Amino acid sequence: MTAFILLAAALLAQAAGPNKVDIVSVTGCLKETAPNTWMLTSATDPVPSSANSPAAKDIPATPPAGKNEFRLIGVSEFNLPAHKDHTVVVKGLYIKATPTSRLNITSVTMAAPACVAPAK
């Protein structure tokens, strides 16, 4: 329910003006860096998307390696421990920040049962 409220608030803010929050898709390695602190590492660049889970054709056959890192928020609605240390496709609201941008996730889909090395 909390994720829905956050999503609704973000969508209203998006419609309101120039400080819109984009919904994106990112593929990377799911890591738990501290208890209940989830990161997406070796992640691809965010690409515009919908909040829905990806279609099977949109899940990469070969997991890509990226250079980005994102902190995942809004995680309580998802069973992230089941995907720990897997390559996943995450969709969510993209919150640009320094030093680490965040993704308020709306879906998590496993792409591969292991992670790939980060891109150089």
PDB file of N, CA and C in Angstrom:
ATOM      1  N   MET A   1       0.819  -1.192   0.000  1.00  0.00           N
ATOM      2  CA  MET A   1       0.000   0.000   0.000  1.00  0.00           C
ATOM      3  C   MET A   1       0.868   1.263   0.000  1.00  0.00           C
ATOM      4  N   THR A   2       1.961   1.227   0.788  1.00  0.00           N
ATOM      5  CA  THR A   2       2.851   2.378   0.847  1.00  0.00           C
ATOM      6  C   THR A   2       3.460   2.667  -0.514  1.00  0.00           C
ATOM      7  N   ALA A   3       3.849   1.609  -1.226  1.00  0.00           N
ATOM      8  CA  ALA A   3       4.430   1.805  -2.556  1.00  0.00           C
ATOM      9  C   ALA A   3       3.420   2.449  -3.486  1.00  0.00           C
ATOM     10  N   PHE A   4       2.165   2.056  -3.374  1.00  0.00           N
ATOM     11  CA  PHE A   4       1.121   2.643  -4.217  1.00  0.00           C
ATOM     12  C   PHE A   4       0.958   4.128  -3.916  1.00  0.00           C
ATOM     13  N   ILE A   5       0.978   4.481  -2.644  1.00  0.00           N
ATOM     14  CA  ILE A   5       0.829   5.892  -2.260  1.00  0.00           C
ATOM     15  C   ILE A   5       2.006   6.707  -2.792  1.00  0.00           C
ATOM     16  N   LEU A   6       3.221   6.162  -2.654  1.00  0.00           N
ATOM     17  CA  LEU A   6       4.396   6.869  -3.169  1.00  0.00           C
ATOM     18  C   LEU A   6       4.323   7.021  -4.684  1.00  0.00           C
ATOM     19  N   LEU A   7       3.870   5.965  -5.360  1.00  0.00           N
ATOM     20  CA  LEU A   7       3.750   6.017  -6.814  1.00  0.00           C
ATOM     21  C   LEU A   7       2.703   7.052  -7.223  1.00  0.00           C
ATOM     22  N   ALA A   8       1.571   7.068  -6.541  1.00  0.00           N
ATOM     23  CA  ALA A   8       0.522   8.032  -6.866  1.00  0.00           C
ATOM     24  C   ALA A   8       1.011   9.460  -6.644  1.00  0.00           C
ATOM     25  N   ALA A   9       1.715   9.688  -5.548  1.00  0.00           N
ATOM     26  CA  ALA A   9       2.252  11.027  -5.264  1.00  0.00           C
ATOM     27  C   ALA A   9       3.259  11.444  -6.329  1.00  0.00           C
ATOM     28  N   ALA A  10       4.099  10.524  -6.719  1.00  0.00           N
ATOM     29  CA  ALA A  10       5.101  10.833  -7.743  1.00  0.00           C
ATOM     30  C   ALA A  10       4.441  11.120  -9.089  1.00  0.00           C
ATOM     31  N   LEU A  11       3.410  10.370  -9.422  1.00  0.00           N
ATOM     32  CA  LEU A  11       2.717  10.606 -10.689  1.00  0.00           C
ATOM     33  C   LEU A  11       2.011  11.963 -10.684  1.00  0.00           C
ATOM     34  N   LEU A  12       1.438  12.336  -9.559  1.00  0.00           N
ATOM     35  CA  LEU A  12       0.816  13.657  -9.456  1.00  0.00           C
ATOM     36  C   LEU A  12       1.868  14.751  -9.587  1.00  0.00           C
ATOM     37  N   ALA A  13       2.999  14.564  -8.950  1.00  0.00           N
ATOM     38  CA  ALA A  13       4.087  15.544  -9.054  1.00  0.00           C
ATOM     39  C   ALA A  13       4.588  15.622 -10.486  1.00  0.00           C
ATOM     40  N   GLN A  14       4.626  14.482 -11.163  1.00  0.00           N
ATOM     41  CA  GLN A  14       5.089  14.446 -12.549  1.00  0.00           C
ATOM     42  C   GLN A  14       4.164  15.276 -13.434  1.00  0.00           C
ATOM     43  N   ALA A  15       2.891  15.179 -13.208  1.00  0.00           N
ATOM     44  CA  ALA A  15       1.935  15.909 -14.019  1.00  0.00           C
ATOM     45  C   ALA A  15       1.931  17.400 -13.684  1.00  0.00           C
ATOM     46  N   ALA A  16       2.453  17.738 -12.508  1.00  0.00           N
ATOM     47  CA  ALA A  16       2.368  19.109 -12.026  1.00  0.00           C
ATOM     48  C   ALA A  16       3.369  20.073 -12.647  1.00  0.00           C
ATOM     49  N   GLY A  17       4.488  19.582 -13.135  1.00  0.00           N
ATOM     50  CA  GLY A  17       5.407  20.570 -13.663  1.00  0.00           C
ATOM     51  C   GLY A  17       6.784  20.061 -14.008  1.00  0.00           C
ATOM     52  N   PRO A  18       7.756  20.992 -14.064  1.00  0.00           N
ATOM     53  CA  PRO A  18       9.078  20.712 -14.585  1.00  0.00           C
ATOM     54  C   PRO A  18       9.921  19.777 -13.721  1.00  0.00           C
ATOM     55  N   ASN A  19       9.589  19.606 -12.461  1.00  0.00           N
ATOM     56  CA  ASN A  19      10.366  18.723 -11.592  1.00  0.00           C
ATOM     57  C   ASN A  19       9.829  17.299 -11.645  1.00  0.00           C
ATOM     58  N   LYS A  20       9.500  16.846 -12.814  1.00  0.00           N
ATOM     59  CA  LYS A  20       8.887  15.529 -12.944  1.00  0.00           C
ATOM     60  C   LYS A  20       9.874  14.420 -12.610  1.00  0.00           C
ATOM     61  N   VAL A  21       9.325  13.291 -12.191  1.00  0.00           N
ATOM     62  CA  VAL A  21      10.102  12.108 -11.877  1.00  0.00           C
ATOM     63  C   VAL A  21       9.812  11.086 -12.963  1.00  0.00           C
ATOM     64  N   ASP A  22      10.868  10.613 -13.629  1.00  0.00           N
ATOM     65  CA  ASP A  22      10.696   9.675 -14.723  1.00  0.00           C
ATOM     66  C   ASP A  22      10.611   8.243 -14.217  1.00  0.00           C
ATOM     67  N   ILE A  23       9.809   7.433 -14.898  1.00  0.00           N
ATOM     68  CA  ILE A  23       9.780   5.994 -14.657  1.00  0.00           C
ATOM     69  C   ILE A  23      10.765   5.377 -15.639  1.00  0.00           C
ATOM     70  N   VAL A  24      11.687   4.565 -15.099  1.00  0.00           N
ATOM     71  CA  VAL A  24      12.759   4.006 -15.915  1.00  0.00           C
ATOM     72  C   VAL A  24      12.891   2.501 -15.681  1.00  0.00           C
ATOM     73  N   SER A  25      13.672   1.879 -16.555  1.00  0.00           N
ATOM     74  CA  SER A  25      14.058   0.489 -16.421  1.00  0.00           C
ATOM     75  C   SER A  25      15.579   0.441 -16.359  1.00  0.00           C
ATOM     76  N   VAL A  26      16.108  -0.355 -15.425  1.00  0.00           N
ATOM     77  CA  VAL A  26      17.547  -0.502 -15.238  1.00  0.00           C
ATOM     78  C   VAL A  26      17.832  -1.984 -14.980  1.00  0.00           C
ATOM     79  N   THR A  27      18.906  -2.497 -15.559  1.00  0.00           N
ATOM     80  CA  THR A  27      19.318  -3.877 -15.314  1.00  0.00           C
ATOM     81  C   THR A  27      20.646  -3.862 -14.576  1.00  0.00           C
ATOM     82  N   GLY A  28      20.739  -4.654 -13.507  1.00  0.00           N
ATOM     83  CA  GLY A  28      21.980  -4.693 -12.743  1.00  0.00           C
ATOM     84  C   GLY A  28      21.976  -5.812 -11.722  1.00  0.00           C
ATOM     85  N   CYS A  29      22.981  -5.807 -10.864  1.00  0.00           N
ATOM     86  CA  CYS A  29      23.175  -6.829  -9.843  1.00  0.00           C
ATOM     87  C   CYS A  29      22.553  -6.367  -8.524  1.00  0.00           C
ATOM     88  N   LEU A  30      21.663  -7.176  -7.970  1.00  0.00           N
ATOM     89  CA  LEU A  30      20.980  -6.834  -6.724  1.00  0.00           C
ATOM     90  C   LEU A  30      21.842  -7.238  -5.528  1.00  0.00           C
ATOM     91  N   LYS A  31      22.212  -6.257  -4.706  1.00  0.00           N
ATOM     92  CA  LYS A  31      23.065  -6.491  -3.540  1.00  0.00           C
ATOM     93  C   LYS A  31      22.413  -5.906  -2.291  1.00  0.00           C
ATOM     94  N   GLU A  32      22.562  -6.605  -1.170  1.00  0.00           N
ATOM     95  CA  GLU A  32      22.147  -6.067   0.121  1.00  0.00           C
ATOM     96  C   GLU A  32      23.417  -5.610   0.822  1.00  0.00           C
ATOM     97  N   THR A  33      23.627  -4.296   0.900  1.00  0.00           N
ATOM     98  CA  THR A  33      24.882  -3.751   1.424  1.00  0.00           C
ATOM     99  C   THR A  33      24.882  -3.629   2.939  1.00  0.00           C
ATOM    100  N   ALA A  34      23.716  -3.591   3.540  1.00  0.00           N
ATOM    101  CA  ALA A  34      23.510  -3.579   4.989  1.00  0.00           C
ATOM    102  C   ALA A  34      22.105  -4.133   5.194  1.00  0.00           C
ATOM    103  N   PRO A  35      21.751  -4.538   6.402  1.00  0.00           N
ATOM    104  CA  PRO A  35      20.401  -5.061   6.590  1.00  0.00           C
ATOM    105  C   PRO A  35      19.335  -4.084   6.063  1.00  0.00           C
ATOM    106  N   ASN A  36      18.512  -4.581   5.156  1.00  0.00           N
ATOM    107  CA  ASN A  36      17.413  -3.815   4.537  1.00  0.00           C
ATOM    108  C   ASN A  36      17.883  -2.618   3.719  1.00  0.00           C
ATOM    109  N   THR A  37      19.128  -2.603   3.292  1.00  0.00           N
ATOM    110  CA  THR A  37      19.636  -1.574   2.387  1.00  0.00           C
ATOM    111  C   THR A  37      20.027  -2.281   1.102  1.00  0.00           C
ATOM    112  N   TRP A  38      19.262  -2.011   0.042  1.00  0.00           N
ATOM    113  CA  TRP A  38      19.430  -2.713  -1.230  1.00  0.00           C
ATOM    114  C   TRP A  38      19.976  -1.775  -2.280  1.00  0.00           C
ATOM    115  N   MET A  39      20.960  -2.284  -3.036  1.00  0.00           N
ATOM    116  CA  MET A  39      21.597  -1.520  -4.107  1.00  0.00           C
ATOM    117  C   MET A  39      21.529  -2.318  -5.404  1.00  0.00           C
ATOM    118  N   LEU A  40      21.494  -1.601  -6.494  1.00  0.00           N
ATOM    119  CA  LEU A  40      21.637  -2.198  -7.813  1.00  0.00           C
ATOM    120  C   LEU A  40      23.004  -1.744  -8.307  1.00  0.00           C
ATOM    121  N   THR A  41      23.933  -2.691  -8.460  1.00  0.00           N
ATOM    122  CA  THR A  41      25.300  -2.376  -8.865  1.00  0.00           C
ATOM    123  C   THR A  41      25.553  -2.880 -10.277  1.00  0.00           C
ATOM    124  N   SER A  42      26.647  -2.447 -10.873  1.00  0.00           N
ATOM    125  CA  SER A  42      26.982  -2.813 -12.259  1.00  0.00           C
ATOM    126  C   SER A  42      25.764  -2.606 -13.148  1.00  0.00           C
ATOM    127  N   ALA A  43      25.068  -1.521 -12.907  1.00  0.00           N
ATOM    128  CA  ALA A  43      23.774  -1.276 -13.534  1.00  0.00           C
ATOM    129  C   ALA A  43      23.895  -0.484 -14.839  1.00  0.00           C
ATOM    130  N   THR A  44      22.974  -0.768 -15.727  1.00  0.00           N
ATOM    131  CA  THR A  44      22.909  -0.059 -16.999  1.00  0.00           C
ATOM    132  C   THR A  44      22.386   1.362 -16.781  1.00  0.00           C
ATOM    133  N   ASP A  45      22.485   2.174 -17.805  1.00  0.00           N
ATOM    134  CA  ASP A  45      21.895   3.509 -17.754  1.00  0.00           C
ATOM    135  C   ASP A  45      20.378   3.364 -17.721  1.00  0.00           C
ATOM    136  N   PRO A  46      19.687   4.236 -17.008  1.00  0.00           N
ATOM    137  CA  PRO A  46      18.227   4.175 -16.980  1.00  0.00           C
ATOM    138  C   PRO A  46      17.642   4.527 -18.352  1.00  0.00           C
ATOM    139  N   VAL A  47      16.614   3.788 -18.741  1.00  0.00           N
ATOM    140  CA  VAL A  47      15.908   4.078 -19.987  1.00  0.00           C
ATOM    141  C   VAL A  47      14.428   4.278 -19.662  1.00  0.00           C
ATOM    142  N   PRO A  48      13.760   5.198 -20.352  1.00  0.00           N
ATOM    143  CA  PRO A  48      12.336   5.443 -20.089  1.00  0.00           C
ATOM    144  C   PRO A  48      11.533   4.148 -20.206  1.00  0.00           C
ATOM    145  N   SER A  49      10.542   4.010 -19.339  1.00  0.00           N
ATOM    146  CA  SER A  49       9.769   2.773 -19.291  1.00  0.00           C
ATOM    147  C   SER A  49       8.407   3.041 -18.680  1.00  0.00           C
ATOM    148  N   SER A  50       7.661   1.952 -18.497  1.00  0.00           N
ATOM    149  CA  SER A  50       6.418   1.999 -17.744  1.00  0.00           C
ATOM    150  C   SER A  50       6.700   1.374 -16.383  1.00  0.00           C
ATOM    151  N   ALA A  51       5.773   1.498 -15.465  1.00  0.00           N
ATOM    152  CA  ALA A  51       5.976   0.953 -14.129  1.00  0.00           C
ATOM    153  C   ALA A  51       5.749  -0.546 -14.073  1.00  0.00           C
ATOM    154  N   ASN A  52       5.178  -1.132 -15.109  1.00  0.00           N
ATOM    155  CA  ASN A  52       4.840  -2.549 -15.119  1.00  0.00           C
ATOM    156  C   ASN A  52       6.072  -3.431 -15.268  1.00  0.00           C
ATOM    157  N   SER A  53       5.928  -4.693 -14.852  1.00  0.00           N
ATOM    158  CA  SER A  53       6.993  -5.671 -15.061  1.00  0.00           C
ATOM    159  C   SER A  53       7.292  -5.780 -16.543  1.00  0.00           C
ATOM    160  N   PRO A  54       8.554  -6.065 -16.897  1.00  0.00           N
ATOM    161  CA  PRO A  54       8.899  -6.152 -18.321  1.00  0.00           C
ATOM    162  C   PRO A  54       8.277  -7.387 -18.981  1.00  0.00           C
ATOM    163  N   ALA A  55       7.992  -7.250 -20.250  1.00  0.00           N
ATOM    164  CA  ALA A  55       7.545  -8.396 -21.040  1.00  0.00           C
ATOM    165  C   ALA A  55       8.731  -9.336 -21.207  1.00  0.00           C
ATOM    166  N   ALA A  56       8.463 -10.609 -21.437  1.00  0.00           N
ATOM    167  CA  ALA A  56       9.536 -11.592 -21.578  1.00  0.00           C
ATOM    168  C   ALA A  56      10.544 -11.176 -22.644  1.00  0.00           C
ATOM    169  N   LYS A  57      10.076 -10.573 -23.722  1.00  0.00           N
ATOM    170  CA  LYS A  57      10.976 -10.160 -24.808  1.00  0.00           C
ATOM    171  C   LYS A  57      11.900  -9.015 -24.379  1.00  0.00           C
ATOM    172  N   ASP A  58      11.565  -8.308 -23.289  1.00  0.00           N
ATOM    173  CA  ASP A  58      12.370  -7.181 -22.827  1.00  0.00           C
ATOM    174  C   ASP A  58      13.399  -7.571 -21.767  1.00  0.00           C
ATOM    175  N   ILE A  59      13.428  -8.846 -21.375  1.00  0.00           N
ATOM    176  CA  ILE A  59      14.415  -9.313 -20.406  1.00  0.00           C
ATOM    177  C   ILE A  59      15.644  -9.760 -21.193  1.00  0.00           C
ATOM    178  N   PRO A  60      16.814  -9.182 -20.914  1.00  0.00           N
ATOM    179  CA  PRO A  60      18.005  -9.503 -21.716  1.00  0.00           C
ATOM    180  C   PRO A  60      18.393 -10.979 -21.602  1.00  0.00           C
ATOM    181  N   ALA A  61      18.702 -11.598 -22.739  1.00  0.00           N
ATOM    182  CA  ALA A  61      19.148 -12.992 -22.761  1.00  0.00           C
ATOM    183  C   ALA A  61      20.539 -13.114 -22.150  1.00  0.00           C
ATOM    184  N   THR A  62      21.382 -12.128 -22.422  1.00  0.00           N
ATOM    185  CA  THR A  62      22.713 -12.056 -21.835  1.00  0.00           C
ATOM    186  C   THR A  62      22.747 -10.814 -20.953  1.00  0.00           C
ATOM    187  N   PRO A  63      22.926 -10.992 -19.645  1.00  0.00           N
ATOM    188  CA  PRO A  63      22.897  -9.832 -18.753  1.00  0.00           C
ATOM    189  C   PRO A  63      23.960  -8.805 -19.112  1.00  0.00           C
ATOM    190  N   PRO A  64      23.564  -7.560 -19.305  1.00  0.00           N
ATOM    191  CA  PRO A  64      24.534  -6.504 -19.605  1.00  0.00           C
ATOM    192  C   PRO A  64      25.252  -6.047 -18.341  1.00  0.00           C
ATOM    193  N   ALA A  65      26.445  -5.532 -18.504  1.00  0.00           N
ATOM    194  CA  ALA A  65      27.189  -4.966 -17.381  1.00  0.00           C
ATOM    195  C   ALA A  65      27.233  -3.459 -17.550  1.00  0.00           C
ATOM    196  N   GLY A  66      26.871  -2.749 -16.534  1.00  0.00           N
ATOM    197  CA  GLY A  66      26.893  -1.294 -16.583  1.00  0.00           C
ATOM    198  C   GLY A  66      27.872  -0.730 -15.567  1.00  0.00           C
ATOM    199  N   LYS A  67      27.925   0.594 -15.507  1.00  0.00           N
ATOM    200  CA  LYS A  67      28.853   1.293 -14.616  1.00  0.00           C
ATOM    201  C   LYS A  67      28.133   1.998 -13.471  1.00  0.00           C
ATOM    202  N   ASN A  68      26.805   1.927 -13.449  1.00  0.00           N
ATOM    203  CA  ASN A  68      26.027   2.717 -12.493  1.00  0.00           C
ATOM    204  C   ASN A  68      25.707   1.946 -11.224  1.00  0.00           C
ATOM    205  N   GLU A  69      25.324   2.727 -10.205  1.00  0.00           N
ATOM    206  CA  GLU A  69      24.885   2.162  -8.936  1.00  0.00           C
ATOM    207  C   GLU A  69      23.677   2.969  -8.470  1.00  0.00           C
ATOM    208  N   PHE A  70      22.664   2.276  -7.997  1.00  0.00           N
ATOM    209  CA  PHE A  70      21.442   2.917  -7.530  1.00  0.00           C
ATOM    210  C   PHE A  70      21.048   2.333  -6.182  1.00  0.00           C
ATOM    211  N   ARG A  71      20.584   3.185  -5.275  1.00  0.00           N
ATOM    212  CA  ARG A  71      20.000   2.702  -4.024  1.00  0.00           C
ATOM    213  C   ARG A  71      18.530   2.465  -4.313  1.00  0.00           C
ATOM    214  N   LEU A  72      18.029   1.330  -3.861  1.00  0.00           N
ATOM    215  CA  LEU A  72      16.630   0.982  -4.085  1.00  0.00           C
ATOM    216  C   LEU A  72      15.812   1.354  -2.865  1.00  0.00           C
ATOM    217  N   ILE A  73      14.700   2.041  -3.101  1.00  0.00           N
ATOM    218  CA  ILE A  73      13.788   2.410  -2.016  1.00  0.00           C
ATOM    219  C   ILE A  73      12.402   1.876  -2.359  1.00  0.00           C
ATOM    220  N   GLY A  74      11.526   1.850  -1.362  1.00  0.00           N
ATOM    221  CA  GLY A  74      10.201   1.281  -1.563  1.00  0.00           C
ATOM    222  C   GLY A  74      10.271  -0.229  -1.716  1.00  0.00           C
ATOM    223  N   VAL A  75      11.213  -0.850  -0.997  1.00  0.00           N
ATOM    224  CA  VAL A  75      11.520  -2.264  -1.207  1.00  0.00           C
ATOM    225  C   VAL A  75      10.640  -3.222  -0.409  1.00  0.00           C
ATOM    226  N   SER A  76       9.905  -2.745   0.573  1.00  0.00           N
ATOM    227  CA  SER A  76       9.174  -3.645   1.466  1.00  0.00           C
ATOM    228  C   SER A  76       8.097  -4.468   0.758  1.00  0.00           C
ATOM    229  N   GLU A  77       7.629  -4.009  -0.382  1.00  0.00           N
ATOM    230  CA  GLU A  77       6.585  -4.719  -1.130  1.00  0.00           C
ATOM    231  C   GLU A  77       7.136  -5.860  -1.979  1.00  0.00           C
ATOM    232  N   PHE A  78       8.451  -6.004  -2.044  1.00  0.00           N
ATOM    233  CA  PHE A  78       9.079  -6.963  -2.948  1.00  0.00           C
ATOM    234  C   PHE A  78       9.918  -7.964  -2.154  1.00  0.00           C
ATOM    235  N   ASN A  79      10.020  -9.178  -2.644  1.00  0.00           N
ATOM    236  CA  ASN A  79      10.808 -10.220  -1.995  1.00  0.00           C
ATOM    237  C   ASN A  79      12.245 -10.162  -2.518  1.00  0.00           C
ATOM    238  N   LEU A  80      12.969  -9.113  -2.157  1.00  0.00           N
ATOM    239  CA  LEU A  80      14.321  -8.931  -2.675  1.00  0.00           C
ATOM    240  C   LEU A  80      15.302 -10.016  -2.233  1.00  0.00           C
ATOM    241  N   PRO A  81      15.206 -10.569  -1.013  1.00  0.00           N
ATOM    242  CA  PRO A  81      16.141 -11.634  -0.658  1.00  0.00           C
ATOM    243  C   PRO A  81      16.118 -12.815  -1.643  1.00  0.00           C
ATOM    244  N   ALA A  82      15.005 -13.063  -2.283  1.00  0.00           N
ATOM    245  CA  ALA A  82      14.917 -14.157  -3.259  1.00  0.00           C
ATOM    246  C   ALA A  82      15.749 -13.874  -4.502  1.00  0.00           C
ATOM    247  N   HIS A  83      16.105 -12.604  -4.730  1.00  0.00           N
ATOM    248  CA  HIS A  83      16.868 -12.213  -5.922  1.00  0.00           C
ATOM    249  C   HIS A  83      18.271 -11.704  -5.585  1.00  0.00           C
ATOM    250  N   LYS A  84      18.678 -11.832  -4.321  1.00  0.00           N
ATOM    251  CA  LYS A  84      19.986 -11.335  -3.887  1.00  0.00           C
ATOM    252  C   LYS A  84      21.104 -11.967  -4.726  1.00  0.00           C
ATOM    253  N   ASP A  85      22.020 -11.129  -5.193  1.00  0.00           N
ATOM    254  CA  ASP A  85      23.166 -11.542  -6.014  1.00  0.00           C
ATOM    255  C   ASP A  85      22.764 -12.113  -7.369  1.00  0.00           C
ATOM    256  N   HIS A  86      21.592 -11.723  -7.839  1.00  0.00           N
ATOM    257  CA  HIS A  86      21.120 -12.079  -9.181  1.00  0.00           C
ATOM    258  C   HIS A  86      21.119 -10.826 -10.040  1.00  0.00           C
ATOM    259  N   THR A  87      21.150 -11.008 -11.356  1.00  0.00           N
ATOM    260  CA  THR A  87      20.940  -9.891 -12.275  1.00  0.00           C
ATOM    261  C   THR A  87      19.436  -9.723 -12.411  1.00  0.00           C
ATOM    262  N   VAL A  88      18.963  -8.510 -12.178  1.00  0.00           N
ATOM    263  CA  VAL A  88      17.529  -8.226 -12.225  1.00  0.00           C
ATOM    264  C   VAL A  88      17.245  -7.008 -13.105  1.00  0.00           C
ATOM    265  N   VAL A  89      16.019  -6.954 -13.594  1.00  0.00           N
ATOM    266  CA  VAL A  89      15.512  -5.772 -14.274  1.00  0.00           C
ATOM    267  C   VAL A  89      14.619  -5.079 -13.254  1.00  0.00           C
ATOM    268  N   VAL A  90      14.973  -3.838 -12.911  1.00  0.00           N
ATOM    269  CA  VAL A  90      14.212  -3.059 -11.944  1.00  0.00           C
ATOM    270  C   VAL A  90      13.552  -1.906 -12.682  1.00  0.00           C
ATOM    271  N   LYS A  91      12.281  -1.707 -12.413  1.00  0.00           N
ATOM    272  CA  LYS A  91      11.576  -0.538 -12.926  1.00  0.00           C
ATOM    273  C   LYS A  91      11.140   0.298 -11.742  1.00  0.00           C
ATOM    274  N   GLY A  92      11.155   1.604 -11.934  1.00  0.00           N
ATOM    275  CA  GLY A  92      10.745   2.469 -10.842  1.00  0.00           C
ATOM    276  C   GLY A  92      10.929   3.935 -11.153  1.00  0.00           C
ATOM    277  N   LEU A  93      10.632   4.743 -10.161  1.00  0.00           N
ATOM    278  CA  LEU A  93      10.774   6.189 -10.264  1.00  0.00           C
ATOM    279  C   LEU A  93      12.239   6.543 -10.055  1.00  0.00           C
ATOM    280  N   TYR A  94      12.806   7.271 -10.994  1.00  0.00           N
ATOM    281  CA  TYR A  94      14.223   7.627 -10.996  1.00  0.00           C
ATOM    282  C   TYR A  94      14.410   8.947 -10.266  1.00  0.00           C
ATOM    283  N   ILE A  95      15.144   8.891  -9.158  1.00  0.00           N
ATOM    284  CA  ILE A  95      15.404  10.078  -8.343  1.00  0.00           C
ATOM    285  C   ILE A  95      16.896  10.380  -8.440  1.00  0.00           C
ATOM    286  N   LYS A  96      17.242  11.372  -9.260  1.00  0.00           N
ATOM    287  CA  LYS A  96      18.645  11.730  -9.446  1.00  0.00           C
ATOM    288  C   LYS A  96      19.156  12.400  -8.181  1.00  0.00           C
ATOM    289  N   ALA A  97      20.313  11.943  -7.718  1.00  0.00           N
ATOM    290  CA  ALA A  97      20.901  12.512  -6.500  1.00  0.00           C
ATOM    291  C   ALA A  97      22.410  12.286  -6.519  1.00  0.00           C
ATOM    292  N   THR A  98      23.111  13.067  -5.707  1.00  0.00           N
ATOM    293  CA  THR A  98      24.545  12.923  -5.558  1.00  0.00           C
ATOM    294  C   THR A  98      24.810  12.549  -4.111  1.00  0.00           C
ATOM    295  N   PRO A  99      25.593  11.575  -3.799  1.00  0.00           N
ATOM    296  CA  PRO A  99      26.461  10.820  -4.690  1.00  0.00           C
ATOM    297  C   PRO A  99      25.773   9.614  -5.353  1.00  0.00           C
ATOM    298  N   THR A 100      24.630   9.163  -4.829  1.00  0.00           N
ATOM    299  CA  THR A 100      23.987   7.967  -5.367  1.00  0.00           C
ATOM    300  C   THR A 100      22.525   8.257  -5.690  1.00  0.00           C
ATOM    301  N   SER A 101      22.145   8.015  -6.934  1.00  0.00           N
ATOM    302  CA  SER A 101      20.743   8.173  -7.322  1.00  0.00           C
ATOM    303  C   SER A 101      19.931   7.017  -6.754  1.00  0.00           C
ATOM    304  N   ARG A 102      18.606   7.215  -6.691  1.00  0.00           N
ATOM    305  CA  ARG A 102      17.724   6.211  -6.113  1.00  0.00           C
ATOM    306  C   ARG A 102      16.659   5.796  -7.120  1.00  0.00           C
ATOM    307  N   LEU A 103      16.171   4.578  -6.933  1.00  0.00           N
ATOM    308  CA  LEU A 103      15.036   4.078  -7.696  1.00  0.00           C
ATOM    309  C   LEU A 103      13.978   3.647  -6.699  1.00  0.00           C
ATOM    310  N   ASN A 104      12.799   4.277  -6.773  1.00  0.00           N
ATOM    311  CA  ASN A 104      11.652   3.861  -5.973  1.00  0.00           C
ATOM    312  C   ASN A 104      10.957   2.784  -6.795  1.00  0.00           C
ATOM    313  N   ILE A 105      11.207   1.530  -6.469  1.00  0.00           N
ATOM    314  CA  ILE A 105      10.870   0.439  -7.369  1.00  0.00           C
ATOM    315  C   ILE A 105       9.381   0.143  -7.472  1.00  0.00           C
ATOM    316  N   THR A 106       8.989  -0.219  -8.690  1.00  0.00           N
ATOM    317  CA  THR A 106       7.614  -0.632  -8.979  1.00  0.00           C
ATOM    318  C   THR A 106       7.561  -2.076  -9.447  1.00  0.00           C
ATOM    319  N   SER A 107       8.689  -2.629  -9.910  1.00  0.00           N
ATOM    320  CA  SER A 107       8.755  -4.051 -10.254  1.00  0.00           C
ATOM    321  C   SER A 107      10.201  -4.515 -10.242  1.00  0.00           C
ATOM    322  N   VAL A 108      10.371  -5.813  -9.950  1.00  0.00           N
ATOM    323  CA  VAL A 108      11.678  -6.463  -9.962  1.00  0.00           C
ATOM    324  C   VAL A 108      11.489  -7.798 -10.670  1.00  0.00           C
ATOM    325  N   THR A 109      12.299  -8.049 -11.699  1.00  0.00           N
ATOM    326  CA  THR A 109      12.216  -9.292 -12.461  1.00  0.00           C
ATOM    327  C   THR A 109      13.611  -9.868 -12.631  1.00  0.00           C
ATOM    328  N   MET A 110      13.786 -11.147 -12.294  1.00  0.00           N
ATOM    329  CA  MET A 110      15.099 -11.765 -12.444  1.00  0.00           C
ATOM    330  C   MET A 110      15.434 -11.949 -13.917  1.00  0.00           C
ATOM    331  N   ALA A 111      16.662 -11.586 -14.270  1.00  0.00           N
ATOM    332  CA  ALA A 111      17.147 -11.762 -15.649  1.00  0.00           C
ATOM    333  C   ALA A 111      18.144 -12.912 -15.724  1.00  0.00           C
ATOM    334  N   ALA A 112      18.941 -13.119 -14.659  1.00  0.00           N
ATOM    335  CA  ALA A 112      19.933 -14.197 -14.634  1.00  0.00           C
ATOM    336  C   ALA A 112      20.241 -14.548 -13.183  1.00  0.00           C
ATOM    337  N   PRO A 113      20.577 -15.814 -12.914  1.00  0.00           N
ATOM    338  CA  PRO A 113      20.821 -16.252 -11.524  1.00  0.00           C
ATOM    339  C   PRO A 113      22.180 -15.845 -10.962  1.00  0.00           C
ATOM    340  N   ALA A 114      22.940 -15.063 -11.715  1.00  0.00           N
ATOM    341  CA  ALA A 114      24.242 -14.592 -11.228  1.00  0.00           C
ATOM    342  C   ALA A 114      24.453 -13.166 -11.723  1.00  0.00           C
ATOM    343  N   CYS A 115      25.452 -12.520 -11.150  1.00  0.00           N
ATOM    344  CA  CYS A 115      25.784 -11.159 -11.562  1.00  0.00           C
ATOM    345  C   CYS A 115      26.983 -11.191 -12.511  1.00  0.00           C
ATOM    346  N   VAL A 116      27.076 -10.170 -13.346  1.00  0.00           N
ATOM    347  CA  VAL A 116      28.211 -10.034 -14.255  1.00  0.00           C
ATOM    348  C   VAL A 116      29.178  -9.016 -13.680  1.00  0.00           C
ATOM    349  N   ALA A 117      30.409  -9.071 -14.147  1.00  0.00           N
ATOM    350  CA  ALA A 117      31.420  -8.099 -13.715  1.00  0.00           C
ATOM    351  C   ALA A 117      31.026  -6.707 -14.190  1.00  0.00           C
ATOM    352  N   PRO A 118      31.358  -5.680 -13.415  1.00  0.00           N
ATOM    353  CA  PRO A 118      31.031  -4.316 -13.831  1.00  0.00           C
ATOM    354  C   PRO A 118      31.733  -3.925 -15.127  1.00  0.00           C
ATOM    355  N   ALA A 119      31.101  -3.050 -15.882  1.00  0.00           N
ATOM    356  CA  ALA A 119      31.720  -2.522 -17.112  1.00  0.00           C
ATOM    357  C   ALA A 119      32.868  -1.612 -16.714  1.00  0.00           C
ATOM    358  N   LYS A 120      33.848  -1.535 -17.595  1.00  0.00           N
ATOM    359  CA  LYS A 120      35.002  -0.669 -17.316  1.00  0.00           C
ATOM    360  C   LYS A 120      34.836   0.679 -17.938  1.00  0.00           C
TER     361      LYS A 120
END
